[in-house]
Amino acid sequence: MHESLEVTITARTALVGGGAAGIGYAVAARLAATDHRVVIAGRHEEPLEKAAARLREQTGAEVGTLVADIAAADAAAALGAMSASYGPADVLVLNAGGPPPGRVLDVTDDAWRAGGELLLFGPLRLARFALPGMAARGFGRLVFVTSTAVRQPQPDLAVSVVLRAAVTAAAKLLSLEYADQGVTVNCVAPGATDTQRRRDVLTSRAARTGASYAELDAADTAQVPADRPGTPDEIGAAVAFLASADASYVNGTVLTVDGGRTETI
């Protein structure tokens, strides 16, 4: 963990999972730029420290790091240790990398279990730890970063589709349980976004189908009315809004950020 920060009264503390790169980094940058004390979490210390240094230079904000695997059974203990150094999390952004691609019946039991720990059980452990404190303080923002594949499933992303759908249901239930205590629980569902995850998925499809990466990239982009993938910063902006005081009456919802691609209303 990075050296302790002096906790101020006015700044709220935000913990962002997967904050070293991609959407997590963009979320952290947005929150750091809006008067949050930010802690970015991930499994590997070196990329976290490099990302934290960039965020400090970019925003001038207080930024710490938490080396932790949110899929691990002891992740909540790591969150407790973070609270001792930076203060308890007022904003908790549960963002994790996607599991390997695969169709429903091709996914092994072990892969389902690993995906469950990463996408469902780990995040719920952290929510179980953080939400009572948020309620006691009368303010909290819990944001799950999921995927539009929950609403418009992609056959070769079975683990992500199934387990993120469970996360979405859990988020709705939590929003009802804590709605009268100053706490909101929402999901942000990104569509095609220019991240390493998207590149990995397209590479996997190319290997499976024999199509070229360029062909698959073009076909995927053609399904987006905006005619381009989103940027991590656009997802970060949506999360930052839900984390703000301005979103105090937005609760139990799924904010879709996909350039209009999802076909359902």
Protein backbone atom coordinates (compact mmCIF):
# COMPACT_ATOMS: atom_id res chain seq x y z
CA MET A 1 0.00 0.00 0.00
CA HIS A 2 1.15 3.57 -0.65
CA GLU A 3 2.15 5.71 2.30
CA SER A 4 -0.71 7.01 4.40
CA LEU A 5 -2.44 10.21 3.39
CA GLU A 6 -3.56 12.94 5.77
CA VAL A 7 -7.33 12.55 5.93
CA THR A 8 -9.16 15.84 5.45
CA ILE A 9 -12.71 16.57 6.51
CA THR A 10 -14.11 17.81 3.22
CA ALA A 11 -12.81 15.24 0.72
CA ARG A 12 -14.66 11.98 0.26
CA THR A 13 -12.73 8.78 -0.22
CA ALA A 14 -13.31 6.71 -3.34
CA LEU A 15 -11.98 3.19 -3.89
CA VAL A 16 -11.79 2.13 -7.53
CA GLY A 17 -11.19 -1.47 -8.51
CA GLY A 18 -8.97 -2.19 -11.50
CA GLY A 19 -7.68 1.36 -11.29
CA ALA A 20 -4.29 0.85 -12.94
CA ALA A 21 -5.58 0.93 -16.52
CA GLY A 22 -8.56 1.17 -18.84
CA ILE A 23 -11.98 2.01 -17.46
CA GLY A 24 -10.81 1.83 -13.85
CA TYR A 25 -8.08 4.39 -14.45
CA ALA A 26 -10.51 6.68 -16.26
CA VAL A 27 -12.97 6.44 -13.38
CA ALA A 28 -10.21 7.24 -10.89
CA ALA A 29 -9.12 10.25 -12.96
CA ARG A 30 -12.66 11.63 -13.07
CA LEU A 31 -13.15 11.19 -9.33
CA ALA A 32 -9.75 12.66 -8.51
CA ALA A 33 -10.64 15.71 -10.61
CA THR A 34 -13.86 16.21 -8.62
CA ASP A 35 -12.41 16.61 -5.12
CA HIS A 36 -12.24 12.95 -4.13
CA ARG A 37 -9.40 11.32 -2.30
CA VAL A 38 -8.88 8.28 -4.54
CA VAL A 39 -7.47 4.86 -3.81
CA ILE A 40 -6.93 2.58 -6.81
CA ALA A 41 -6.94 -1.16 -6.23
CA GLY A 42 -5.47 -4.04 -8.18
CA ARG A 43 -3.43 -7.20 -7.84
CA HIS A 44 -0.02 -5.88 -8.89
CA GLU A 45 1.87 -3.15 -7.06
CA GLU A 46 4.10 -1.76 -9.82
CA PRO A 47 1.37 -0.79 -12.33
CA LEU A 48 -0.74 0.62 -9.49
CA GLU A 49 2.07 2.84 -8.27
CA LYS A 50 2.79 4.07 -11.80
CA ALA A 51 -0.89 4.81 -12.37
CA ALA A 52 -1.18 6.60 -9.02
CA ALA A 53 1.82 8.78 -9.90
CA ARG A 54 0.22 9.72 -13.23
CA LEU A 55 -3.06 10.54 -11.51
CA ARG A 56 -1.35 12.77 -8.97
CA GLU A 57 0.47 14.63 -11.73
CA GLN A 58 -2.66 14.86 -13.86
CA THR A 59 -5.11 16.00 -11.18
CA GLY A 60 -3.11 17.20 -8.18
CA ALA A 61 -5.35 15.02 -6.00
CA GLU A 62 -4.49 12.69 -3.15
CA VAL A 63 -4.14 9.22 -4.68
CA GLY A 64 -3.25 6.02 -2.86
CA THR A 65 -2.96 2.40 -3.85
CA LEU A 66 -4.32 -0.85 -2.46
CA VAL A 67 -2.74 -4.10 -3.62
CA ALA A 68 -5.58 -6.59 -3.32
CA ASP A 69 -7.40 -9.24 -5.31
CA ILE A 70 -11.12 -8.51 -5.04
CA ALA A 71 -11.83 -12.14 -5.90
CA ALA A 72 -9.93 -13.29 -2.80
CA ALA A 73 -11.75 -14.30 0.35
CA ASP A 74 -9.74 -11.78 2.40
CA ALA A 75 -10.45 -8.78 0.16
CA ALA A 76 -12.68 -7.18 2.79
CA ALA A 77 -9.78 -7.27 5.25
CA ALA A 78 -7.72 -5.31 2.74
CA LEU A 79 -10.53 -2.76 2.51
CA GLY A 80 -10.42 -2.45 6.28
CA ALA A 81 -6.69 -1.79 6.17
CA MET A 82 -7.28 0.87 3.52
CA SER A 83 -9.81 2.57 5.81
CA ALA A 84 -7.19 2.90 8.53
CA SER A 85 -4.90 4.82 6.18
CA TYR A 86 -7.27 6.81 3.98
CA GLY A 87 -10.60 6.78 5.76
CA PRO A 88 -13.58 4.57 4.97
CA ALA A 89 -14.83 4.37 1.41
CA ASP A 90 -17.63 6.83 0.72
CA VAL A 91 -17.61 5.78 -2.94
CA LEU A 92 -16.93 2.18 -3.91
CA VAL A 93 -16.53 1.42 -7.61
CA LEU A 94 -16.53 -2.32 -8.23
CA ASN A 95 -14.79 -2.75 -11.55
CA ALA A 96 -13.08 -5.99 -12.52
CA GLY A 97 -11.58 -7.35 -15.70
CA GLY A 98 -13.65 -9.70 -17.79
CA PRO A 99 -13.26 -13.48 -17.63
CA PRO A 100 -12.06 -15.45 -20.66
CA PRO A 101 -14.51 -15.68 -23.57
CA GLY A 102 -16.46 -18.88 -24.06
CA ARG A 103 -19.89 -20.24 -24.92
CA VAL A 104 -22.19 -21.55 -22.18
CA LEU A 105 -21.59 -25.28 -22.59
CA ASP A 106 -17.89 -24.84 -23.35
CA VAL A 107 -17.18 -23.20 -19.99
CA THR A 108 -15.76 -25.60 -17.42
CA ASP A 109 -16.90 -25.81 -13.80
CA ASP A 110 -13.59 -24.31 -12.69
CA ALA A 111 -14.03 -21.37 -15.08
CA TRP A 112 -17.55 -20.74 -13.76
CA ARG A 113 -16.22 -20.78 -10.19
CA ALA A 114 -13.34 -18.44 -11.01
CA GLY A 115 -15.71 -16.08 -12.78
CA GLY A 116 -18.07 -16.18 -9.82
CA GLU A 117 -15.31 -15.13 -7.44
CA LEU A 118 -14.16 -12.33 -9.75
CA LEU A 119 -17.48 -10.86 -10.81
CA LEU A 120 -19.99 -11.76 -8.10
CA PHE A 121 -18.75 -13.11 -4.78
CA GLY A 122 -15.70 -10.84 -4.45
CA PRO A 123 -17.62 -7.64 -5.16
CA LEU A 124 -20.44 -8.68 -2.84
CA ARG A 125 -17.96 -9.29 -0.03
CA LEU A 126 -16.68 -5.74 -0.43
CA ALA A 127 -20.23 -4.39 -0.54
CA ARG A 128 -21.06 -6.32 2.63
CA PHE A 129 -18.10 -4.66 4.35
CA ALA A 130 -18.63 -1.13 3.04
CA LEU A 131 -22.38 -0.55 3.01
CA PRO A 132 -23.10 -0.57 6.76
CA GLY A 133 -20.49 2.13 7.32
CA MET A 134 -21.86 4.22 4.48
CA ALA A 135 -25.34 3.96 6.00
CA ALA A 136 -24.05 4.92 9.44
CA ARG A 137 -22.42 8.06 7.97
CA GLY A 138 -25.55 8.90 5.96
CA PHE A 139 -23.78 8.96 2.60
CA GLY A 140 -22.54 6.31 0.20
CA ARG A 141 -22.22 5.52 -3.46
CA LEU A 142 -21.78 1.96 -4.67
CA VAL A 143 -21.30 1.57 -8.43
CA PHE A 144 -20.91 -1.77 -10.20
CA VAL A 145 -19.29 -1.62 -13.64
CA THR A 146 -21.00 -4.35 -15.65
CA SER A 147 -21.65 -4.62 -19.40
CA THR A 148 -24.39 -4.10 -21.98
CA ALA A 149 -24.01 -7.83 -22.65
CA VAL A 150 -26.32 -8.25 -19.64
CA ARG A 151 -29.15 -6.66 -21.65
CA GLN A 152 -28.06 -7.82 -25.11
CA PRO A 153 -26.13 -11.06 -24.56
CA GLN A 154 -23.14 -12.00 -26.68
CA PRO A 155 -22.93 -15.79 -27.05
CA ASP A 156 -19.16 -16.06 -26.65
CA LEU A 157 -19.11 -14.08 -23.40
CA ALA A 158 -21.15 -16.56 -21.35
CA VAL A 159 -19.44 -16.16 -17.98
CA SER A 160 -19.59 -12.38 -18.14
CA VAL A 161 -23.23 -12.33 -19.30
CA VAL A 162 -24.53 -14.76 -16.68
CA LEU A 163 -22.62 -13.46 -13.68
CA ARG A 164 -22.97 -9.77 -14.45
CA ALA A 165 -26.71 -10.36 -14.74
CA ALA A 166 -26.58 -11.73 -11.19
CA VAL A 167 -24.61 -8.66 -10.09
CA THR A 168 -27.24 -6.40 -11.66
CA ALA A 169 -29.99 -8.17 -9.71
CA ALA A 170 -28.00 -7.95 -6.47
CA ALA A 171 -27.40 -4.24 -7.04
CA LYS A 172 -31.13 -3.65 -7.43
CA LEU A 173 -31.87 -5.47 -4.18
CA LEU A 174 -29.16 -3.54 -2.32
CA SER A 175 -30.52 -0.26 -3.65
CA LEU A 176 -33.88 -1.06 -2.08
CA GLU A 177 -32.34 -2.06 1.24
CA TYR A 178 -30.28 1.14 1.65
CA ALA A 179 -32.37 3.73 -0.19
CA ASP A 180 -33.55 5.53 2.97
CA GLN A 181 -30.05 5.79 4.46
CA GLY A 182 -28.34 8.20 2.07
CA VAL A 183 -26.80 5.39 0.04
CA THR A 184 -27.32 4.67 -3.65
CA VAL A 185 -26.42 1.50 -5.53
CA ASN A 186 -26.27 1.60 -9.32
CA CYS A 187 -24.66 -0.09 -12.30
CA VAL A 188 -22.88 1.39 -15.28
CA ALA A 189 -23.07 -0.87 -18.33
CA PRO A 190 -20.44 -0.04 -20.96
CA GLY A 191 -20.85 -1.14 -24.53
CA ALA A 192 -17.98 -1.52 -26.98
CA THR A 193 -15.17 0.50 -25.41
CA ASP A 194 -11.63 0.98 -26.64
CA THR A 195 -9.88 -1.11 -23.98
CA GLN A 196 -7.54 -4.07 -23.89
CA ARG A 197 -10.52 -6.24 -22.97
CA ARG A 198 -12.27 -5.40 -26.27
CA ARG A 199 -9.08 -6.12 -28.20
CA ASP A 200 -8.70 -9.48 -26.44
CA VAL A 201 -12.29 -10.47 -27.22
CA LEU A 202 -11.91 -9.60 -30.90
CA THR A 203 -8.62 -11.50 -31.05
CA SER A 204 -10.30 -14.57 -29.55
CA ARG A 205 -13.16 -14.36 -32.05
CA ALA A 206 -10.69 -14.06 -34.91
CA ALA A 207 -8.90 -17.21 -33.79
CA ARG A 208 -12.19 -19.09 -33.42
CA THR A 209 -13.87 -17.97 -36.66
CA GLY A 210 -10.97 -17.47 -39.04
CA ALA A 211 -12.03 -13.89 -39.75
CA SER A 212 -9.41 -11.19 -39.51
CA TYR A 213 -9.20 -8.86 -36.55
CA ALA A 214 -9.81 -5.87 -38.82
CA GLU A 215 -12.98 -7.45 -40.24
CA LEU A 216 -14.34 -8.18 -36.78
CA ASP A 217 -13.44 -4.73 -35.51
CA ALA A 218 -15.26 -3.12 -38.43
CA ALA A 219 -18.31 -5.37 -38.02
CA ASP A 220 -18.49 -4.66 -34.28
CA THR A 221 -18.18 -0.91 -34.82
CA ALA A 222 -20.84 -0.99 -37.54
CA GLN A 223 -23.38 -2.13 -34.92
CA VAL A 224 -22.89 1.09 -32.94
CA PRO A 225 -25.08 3.98 -34.16
CA ALA A 226 -22.33 6.38 -33.06
CA ASP A 227 -20.04 4.51 -35.50
CA ARG A 228 -17.16 4.17 -33.06
CA PRO A 229 -16.23 2.43 -29.82
CA GLY A 230 -16.56 4.44 -26.65
CA THR A 231 -13.60 5.76 -24.71
CA PRO A 232 -12.75 4.80 -21.12
CA ASP A 233 -13.18 8.46 -20.16
CA GLU A 234 -16.80 8.38 -21.33
CA ILE A 235 -17.44 5.48 -18.97
CA GLY A 236 -15.56 7.30 -16.24
CA ALA A 237 -17.83 10.32 -16.65
CA ALA A 238 -20.92 8.18 -16.14
CA VAL A 239 -19.50 6.60 -12.98
CA ALA A 240 -18.43 9.99 -11.64
CA PHE A 241 -21.95 11.32 -12.09
CA LEU A 242 -23.47 8.42 -10.16
CA ALA A 243 -20.86 8.96 -7.43
CA SER A 244 -21.77 12.62 -7.06
CA ALA A 245 -24.24 14.41 -4.81
CA ASP A 246 -26.11 15.43 -7.96
CA ALA A 247 -27.14 11.79 -8.42
CA SER A 248 -28.71 11.47 -4.96
CA TYR A 249 -32.10 10.53 -6.46
CA VAL A 250 -30.69 8.05 -9.00
CA ASN A 251 -30.84 4.65 -7.38
CA GLY A 252 -31.18 1.03 -8.44
CA THR A 253 -30.67 1.80 -12.11
CA VAL A 254 -28.44 0.62 -14.94
CA LEU A 255 -26.84 3.48 -16.84
CA THR A 256 -26.07 2.20 -20.33
CA VAL A 257 -23.12 3.86 -22.09
CA ASP A 258 -22.92 2.30 -25.53
CA GLY A 259 -23.44 4.86 -28.28
CA GLY A 260 -27.01 3.64 -28.80
CA ARG A 261 -26.14 0.04 -29.60
CA THR A 262 -28.45 -1.73 -27.15
CA GLU A 263 -31.75 -2.31 -28.93
CA THR A 264 -34.08 -2.58 -25.94
CA ILE A 265 -35.78 0.50 -24.52
